[in-house]
N, C-alpha and C. Protein backbone atom coordinates (compact mmCIF):
# COMPACT_ATOMS: atom_id res chain seq x y z
N LEU A 1 20.59 3.98 3.71
CA LEU A 1 20.76 5.22 2.96
C LEU A 1 20.32 5.03 1.51
N LEU A 2 20.62 3.88 0.94
CA LEU A 2 20.22 3.59 -0.42
C LEU A 2 18.70 3.57 -0.54
N VAL A 3 18.03 2.96 0.41
CA VAL A 3 16.56 2.90 0.40
C VAL A 3 15.98 4.30 0.49
N LEU A 4 16.53 5.13 1.36
CA LEU A 4 16.07 6.50 1.51
C LEU A 4 16.29 7.29 0.22
N SER A 5 17.40 7.10 -0.44
CA SER A 5 17.69 7.79 -1.70
C SER A 5 16.70 7.38 -2.79
N VAL A 6 16.40 6.11 -2.88
CA VAL A 6 15.44 5.61 -3.88
C VAL A 6 14.05 6.18 -3.60
N LEU A 7 13.67 6.23 -2.33
CA LEU A 7 12.37 6.77 -1.95
C LEU A 7 12.27 8.25 -2.32
N ILE A 8 13.28 9.00 -2.01
CA ILE A 8 13.29 10.43 -2.34
C ILE A 8 13.26 10.62 -3.85
N LEU A 9 14.03 9.84 -4.58
CA LEU A 9 14.06 9.93 -6.04
C LEU A 9 12.69 9.60 -6.63
N SER A 10 12.04 8.58 -6.10
CA SER A 10 10.73 8.20 -6.65
C SER A 10 9.67 9.25 -6.35
N ILE A 11 9.80 9.96 -5.25
CA ILE A 11 8.83 11.00 -4.91
C ILE A 11 9.05 12.24 -5.76
N THR A 12 10.27 12.58 -6.04
CA THR A 12 10.58 13.82 -6.75
C THR A 12 10.61 13.67 -8.27
N THR A 13 10.65 12.45 -8.78
CA THR A 13 10.67 12.24 -10.22
C THR A 13 9.28 12.50 -10.78
N THR A 14 9.20 13.29 -11.84
CA THR A 14 7.90 13.59 -12.43
C THR A 14 7.60 12.63 -13.56
N ASP A 15 6.36 12.35 -13.70
CA ASP A 15 5.89 11.48 -14.77
C ASP A 15 5.74 12.32 -16.03
N SER A 16 6.33 11.91 -17.14
CA SER A 16 6.30 12.71 -18.36
C SER A 16 5.01 12.50 -19.17
N ARG A 17 4.16 11.57 -18.74
CA ARG A 17 2.91 11.35 -19.46
C ARG A 17 1.95 12.50 -19.20
N PRO A 18 1.11 12.84 -20.20
CA PRO A 18 0.14 13.92 -19.98
C PRO A 18 -0.89 13.50 -18.93
N THR A 19 -1.34 14.47 -18.16
CA THR A 19 -2.35 14.19 -17.15
C THR A 19 -3.71 14.09 -17.81
N ALA A 20 -4.66 13.52 -17.10
CA ALA A 20 -6.02 13.42 -17.63
C ALA A 20 -6.60 14.80 -17.90
N ASP A 21 -6.25 15.79 -17.04
CA ASP A 21 -6.74 17.15 -17.25
C ASP A 21 -6.26 17.72 -18.57
N ALA A 22 -5.07 17.35 -18.99
CA ALA A 22 -4.52 17.85 -20.24
C ALA A 22 -4.95 16.99 -21.43
N GLU A 23 -5.08 15.71 -21.21
CA GLU A 23 -5.33 14.77 -22.31
C GLU A 23 -6.80 14.72 -22.72
N CYS A 24 -7.72 14.73 -21.75
CA CYS A 24 -9.14 14.57 -22.06
C CYS A 24 -9.69 15.61 -23.04
N PRO A 25 -9.42 16.90 -22.82
CA PRO A 25 -9.97 17.88 -23.76
C PRO A 25 -9.48 17.65 -25.20
N ILE A 26 -8.25 17.21 -25.34
CA ILE A 26 -7.70 16.94 -26.67
C ILE A 26 -8.42 15.76 -27.31
N LEU A 27 -8.60 14.69 -26.55
CA LEU A 27 -9.30 13.51 -27.06
C LEU A 27 -10.74 13.85 -27.43
N MET A 28 -11.40 14.62 -26.58
CA MET A 28 -12.79 14.99 -26.85
C MET A 28 -12.89 15.86 -28.10
N ARG A 29 -11.99 16.83 -28.23
CA ARG A 29 -12.00 17.69 -29.41
C ARG A 29 -11.77 16.87 -30.67
N ASP A 30 -10.79 15.97 -30.61
CA ASP A 30 -10.48 15.14 -31.78
C ASP A 30 -11.63 14.21 -32.15
N ALA A 31 -12.47 13.88 -31.16
CA ALA A 31 -13.62 13.02 -31.43
C ALA A 31 -14.84 13.83 -31.88
N GLY A 32 -14.68 15.15 -31.95
CA GLY A 32 -15.77 16.01 -32.41
C GLY A 32 -16.77 16.37 -31.34
N LEU A 33 -16.41 16.20 -30.06
CA LEU A 33 -17.32 16.52 -28.98
C LEU A 33 -17.19 17.99 -28.57
N SER A 34 -18.28 18.56 -28.17
CA SER A 34 -18.33 19.95 -27.75
C SER A 34 -17.63 20.14 -26.40
N GLU A 35 -17.14 21.34 -26.16
CA GLU A 35 -16.57 21.66 -24.84
C GLU A 35 -17.66 21.60 -23.77
N ASP A 36 -18.90 21.71 -24.18
CA ASP A 36 -20.04 21.68 -23.26
C ASP A 36 -20.56 20.26 -23.03
N PHE A 37 -19.84 19.26 -23.51
CA PHE A 37 -20.30 17.87 -23.47
C PHE A 37 -20.75 17.44 -22.08
N ALA A 38 -19.94 17.68 -21.06
CA ALA A 38 -20.28 17.22 -19.70
C ALA A 38 -21.59 17.83 -19.22
N GLY A 39 -21.76 19.12 -19.41
CA GLY A 39 -22.99 19.78 -18.99
C GLY A 39 -24.21 19.30 -19.75
N LEU A 40 -24.02 19.06 -21.05
CA LEU A 40 -25.13 18.58 -21.87
C LEU A 40 -25.55 17.17 -21.45
N VAL A 41 -24.57 16.33 -21.15
CA VAL A 41 -24.88 14.97 -20.70
C VAL A 41 -25.60 15.01 -19.36
N ALA A 42 -25.11 15.83 -18.44
CA ALA A 42 -25.75 15.94 -17.12
C ALA A 42 -27.19 16.42 -17.26
N HIS A 43 -27.42 17.40 -18.11
CA HIS A 43 -28.77 17.91 -18.32
C HIS A 43 -29.67 16.82 -18.89
N ARG A 44 -29.18 16.10 -19.87
CA ARG A 44 -30.00 15.07 -20.52
C ARG A 44 -30.29 13.90 -19.60
N VAL A 45 -29.30 13.49 -18.80
CA VAL A 45 -29.51 12.36 -17.88
C VAL A 45 -30.66 12.66 -16.92
N HIS A 46 -30.75 13.91 -16.48
CA HIS A 46 -31.80 14.26 -15.52
C HIS A 46 -33.13 14.53 -16.20
N SER A 47 -33.21 14.31 -17.49
CA SER A 47 -34.46 14.45 -18.22
C SER A 47 -34.90 13.12 -18.85
N LEU A 48 -34.23 12.04 -18.51
CA LEU A 48 -34.56 10.74 -19.09
C LEU A 48 -35.94 10.26 -18.67
N THR A 49 -36.55 9.50 -19.54
CA THR A 49 -37.81 8.82 -19.23
C THR A 49 -37.54 7.32 -19.23
N LEU A 50 -38.50 6.57 -18.74
CA LEU A 50 -38.35 5.12 -18.78
C LEU A 50 -38.29 4.63 -20.23
N GLU A 51 -39.01 5.31 -21.10
CA GLU A 51 -38.94 4.95 -22.53
C GLU A 51 -37.50 5.11 -23.04
N ASP A 52 -36.82 6.18 -22.63
CA ASP A 52 -35.43 6.39 -23.04
C ASP A 52 -34.53 5.28 -22.51
N LEU A 53 -34.69 4.94 -21.24
CA LEU A 53 -33.88 3.87 -20.66
C LEU A 53 -34.06 2.58 -21.44
N ARG A 54 -35.32 2.28 -21.76
CA ARG A 54 -35.61 1.04 -22.51
C ARG A 54 -35.08 1.09 -23.94
N TYR A 55 -35.10 2.25 -24.55
CA TYR A 55 -34.65 2.38 -25.93
C TYR A 55 -33.13 2.36 -26.04
N TYR A 56 -32.46 3.14 -25.19
CA TYR A 56 -31.01 3.32 -25.32
C TYR A 56 -30.16 2.38 -24.47
N PHE A 57 -30.69 1.91 -23.34
CA PHE A 57 -29.82 1.21 -22.40
C PHE A 57 -30.25 -0.21 -22.05
N LYS A 58 -31.49 -0.39 -21.61
CA LYS A 58 -31.90 -1.70 -21.13
C LYS A 58 -33.38 -1.91 -21.44
N GLU A 59 -33.65 -2.77 -22.40
CA GLU A 59 -35.01 -2.99 -22.85
C GLU A 59 -35.96 -3.39 -21.72
N GLY A 60 -35.46 -4.13 -20.75
CA GLY A 60 -36.29 -4.59 -19.65
C GLY A 60 -36.30 -3.70 -18.43
N ALA A 61 -35.86 -2.44 -18.55
CA ALA A 61 -35.83 -1.53 -17.39
C ALA A 61 -37.24 -1.40 -16.81
N THR A 62 -37.31 -1.32 -15.48
CA THR A 62 -38.60 -1.23 -14.80
C THR A 62 -38.84 0.19 -14.28
N GLU A 63 -40.04 0.41 -13.77
CA GLU A 63 -40.37 1.72 -13.23
C GLU A 63 -39.58 2.02 -11.95
N ASP A 64 -39.04 0.99 -11.32
CA ASP A 64 -38.17 1.16 -10.16
C ASP A 64 -36.73 1.07 -10.68
N ASN A 65 -36.28 2.13 -11.40
CA ASN A 65 -35.01 2.09 -12.12
C ASN A 65 -33.87 2.86 -11.45
N GLY A 66 -34.16 3.64 -10.43
CA GLY A 66 -33.11 4.34 -9.70
C GLY A 66 -32.42 5.47 -10.44
N VAL A 67 -33.03 5.98 -11.50
CA VAL A 67 -32.44 7.09 -12.26
C VAL A 67 -33.21 8.36 -11.91
N PRO A 68 -32.64 9.23 -11.05
CA PRO A 68 -33.36 10.44 -10.65
C PRO A 68 -33.52 11.39 -11.83
N THR A 69 -34.71 11.95 -11.95
CA THR A 69 -35.01 12.86 -13.05
C THR A 69 -35.83 14.05 -12.56
N VAL A 70 -35.85 15.08 -13.36
CA VAL A 70 -36.64 16.27 -13.07
C VAL A 70 -38.11 15.91 -13.16
N ASN A 71 -38.90 16.44 -12.24
CA ASN A 71 -40.35 16.25 -12.28
C ASN A 71 -40.93 17.31 -13.20
N TYR A 72 -41.54 16.89 -14.30
CA TYR A 72 -42.13 17.84 -15.25
C TYR A 72 -43.39 18.51 -14.70
N ASN A 73 -43.95 17.96 -13.64
CA ASN A 73 -45.12 18.56 -13.02
C ASN A 73 -44.65 19.72 -12.15
N LEU A 74 -44.66 20.91 -12.71
CA LEU A 74 -44.10 22.09 -12.04
C LEU A 74 -44.94 22.56 -10.87
N SER A 75 -46.18 22.09 -10.76
CA SER A 75 -47.01 22.49 -9.61
C SER A 75 -46.78 21.58 -8.41
N SER A 76 -46.00 20.53 -8.57
CA SER A 76 -45.68 19.61 -7.48
C SER A 76 -44.56 20.17 -6.62
N SER A 77 -44.60 19.88 -5.32
CA SER A 77 -43.50 20.30 -4.44
C SER A 77 -42.29 19.37 -4.59
N VAL A 78 -42.51 18.22 -5.22
CA VAL A 78 -41.42 17.26 -5.47
C VAL A 78 -40.73 17.68 -6.77
N ARG A 79 -39.48 18.14 -6.66
CA ARG A 79 -38.76 18.65 -7.83
C ARG A 79 -37.99 17.57 -8.58
N VAL A 80 -37.52 16.56 -7.85
CA VAL A 80 -36.75 15.48 -8.46
C VAL A 80 -37.42 14.15 -8.13
N LEU A 81 -37.68 13.37 -9.16
CA LEU A 81 -38.28 12.05 -8.98
C LEU A 81 -37.17 11.02 -8.77
N PRO A 82 -37.40 10.02 -7.94
CA PRO A 82 -36.35 9.03 -7.68
C PRO A 82 -36.12 8.05 -8.83
N ASN A 83 -37.07 7.98 -9.76
CA ASN A 83 -36.98 7.06 -10.90
C ASN A 83 -37.42 7.76 -12.17
N ALA A 84 -36.79 7.42 -13.28
CA ALA A 84 -37.24 7.94 -14.57
C ALA A 84 -38.65 7.38 -14.83
N PRO A 85 -39.64 8.26 -15.05
CA PRO A 85 -41.02 7.80 -15.18
C PRO A 85 -41.37 7.33 -16.59
N LEU A 86 -42.40 6.53 -16.66
CA LEU A 86 -42.98 6.09 -17.93
C LEU A 86 -43.97 7.17 -18.35
N TYR A 87 -43.79 7.75 -19.52
CA TYR A 87 -44.68 8.83 -19.97
C TYR A 87 -45.73 8.36 -20.95
N GLY A 88 -45.59 7.18 -21.50
CA GLY A 88 -46.60 6.68 -22.42
C GLY A 88 -46.56 7.38 -23.77
N TYR A 89 -45.39 7.41 -24.38
CA TYR A 89 -45.23 8.04 -25.69
C TYR A 89 -46.17 7.43 -26.72
N ASP A 90 -46.54 8.23 -27.69
CA ASP A 90 -47.31 7.76 -28.82
C ASP A 90 -46.36 6.99 -29.73
N THR A 91 -46.42 5.69 -29.70
CA THR A 91 -45.47 4.86 -30.45
C THR A 91 -45.80 4.76 -31.94
N SER A 92 -46.85 5.47 -32.38
CA SER A 92 -47.11 5.47 -33.82
C SER A 92 -46.09 6.33 -34.55
N PHE A 93 -45.33 7.16 -33.81
CA PHE A 93 -44.24 7.90 -34.42
C PHE A 93 -43.05 6.96 -34.60
N ALA A 94 -42.36 7.10 -35.71
CA ALA A 94 -41.33 6.13 -36.11
C ALA A 94 -40.06 6.19 -35.27
N THR A 95 -39.73 7.34 -34.70
CA THR A 95 -38.46 7.46 -33.98
C THR A 95 -38.69 7.96 -32.56
N ILE A 96 -37.74 7.68 -31.70
CA ILE A 96 -37.81 8.16 -30.32
C ILE A 96 -37.79 9.68 -30.27
N GLY A 97 -37.08 10.32 -31.20
CA GLY A 97 -37.04 11.78 -31.27
C GLY A 97 -38.41 12.37 -31.56
N LEU A 98 -39.14 11.78 -32.50
CA LEU A 98 -40.49 12.25 -32.81
C LEU A 98 -41.44 11.97 -31.65
N GLN A 99 -41.23 10.88 -30.95
CA GLN A 99 -42.05 10.57 -29.78
C GLN A 99 -41.85 11.63 -28.70
N HIS A 100 -40.59 12.06 -28.50
CA HIS A 100 -40.29 13.14 -27.55
C HIS A 100 -40.98 14.43 -27.98
N LEU A 101 -40.84 14.77 -29.24
CA LEU A 101 -41.43 16.00 -29.76
C LEU A 101 -42.94 15.98 -29.55
N ASP A 102 -43.58 14.86 -29.83
CA ASP A 102 -45.02 14.74 -29.63
C ASP A 102 -45.39 14.91 -28.16
N MET A 103 -44.58 14.34 -27.26
CA MET A 103 -44.88 14.46 -25.83
C MET A 103 -44.85 15.94 -25.42
N VAL A 104 -43.85 16.67 -25.87
CA VAL A 104 -43.74 18.09 -25.52
C VAL A 104 -44.89 18.88 -26.14
N ASN A 105 -45.13 18.68 -27.44
CA ASN A 105 -46.20 19.43 -28.10
C ASN A 105 -47.57 19.10 -27.53
N SER A 106 -47.79 17.86 -27.16
CA SER A 106 -49.08 17.46 -26.60
C SER A 106 -49.28 17.98 -25.19
N SER A 107 -48.20 18.38 -24.54
CA SER A 107 -48.27 18.82 -23.14
C SER A 107 -48.24 20.33 -22.98
N LEU A 108 -48.18 21.07 -24.06
CA LEU A 108 -48.07 22.52 -23.97
C LEU A 108 -49.25 23.16 -23.26
N GLU A 109 -50.41 22.57 -23.36
CA GLU A 109 -51.61 23.14 -22.74
C GLU A 109 -51.85 22.64 -21.32
N ILE A 110 -51.02 21.72 -20.82
CA ILE A 110 -51.19 21.19 -19.48
C ILE A 110 -50.61 22.19 -18.51
N SER A 111 -51.44 22.76 -17.64
CA SER A 111 -51.02 23.86 -16.77
C SER A 111 -49.87 23.47 -15.83
N GLN A 112 -49.83 22.23 -15.39
CA GLN A 112 -48.76 21.85 -14.46
C GLN A 112 -47.39 21.84 -15.13
N TRP A 113 -47.34 21.82 -16.45
CA TRP A 113 -46.06 21.86 -17.17
C TRP A 113 -45.57 23.29 -17.34
N THR A 114 -46.47 24.24 -17.20
CA THR A 114 -46.08 25.63 -17.45
C THR A 114 -45.93 26.44 -16.17
N GLY A 115 -46.15 25.82 -15.04
CA GLY A 115 -45.90 26.49 -13.76
C GLY A 115 -47.04 27.20 -13.20
């Protein structure tokens, strides 16, 4: 009977600690993160290039990296690539952000990028 009472008590006793659902938004807000953080991260992850992987995560990342990304070639029937591709950024730009900007600006006239 004592064992049964302890079991019932342990099942019915509530934990007074905040749940992750309640705690995470507070921590994220206090850290200055947007409420849209998860969606923004998901969007960015699926737009990574091999250059990004090498810059931010692993300098020796290979073309067989296992990071699925959106295929920028809109005329292709393949919508998602199995690996983040190497785009061949113009490295004469000083920052990765400028290299990205150059890639987009240089590709505006490529018909497969515009659908």
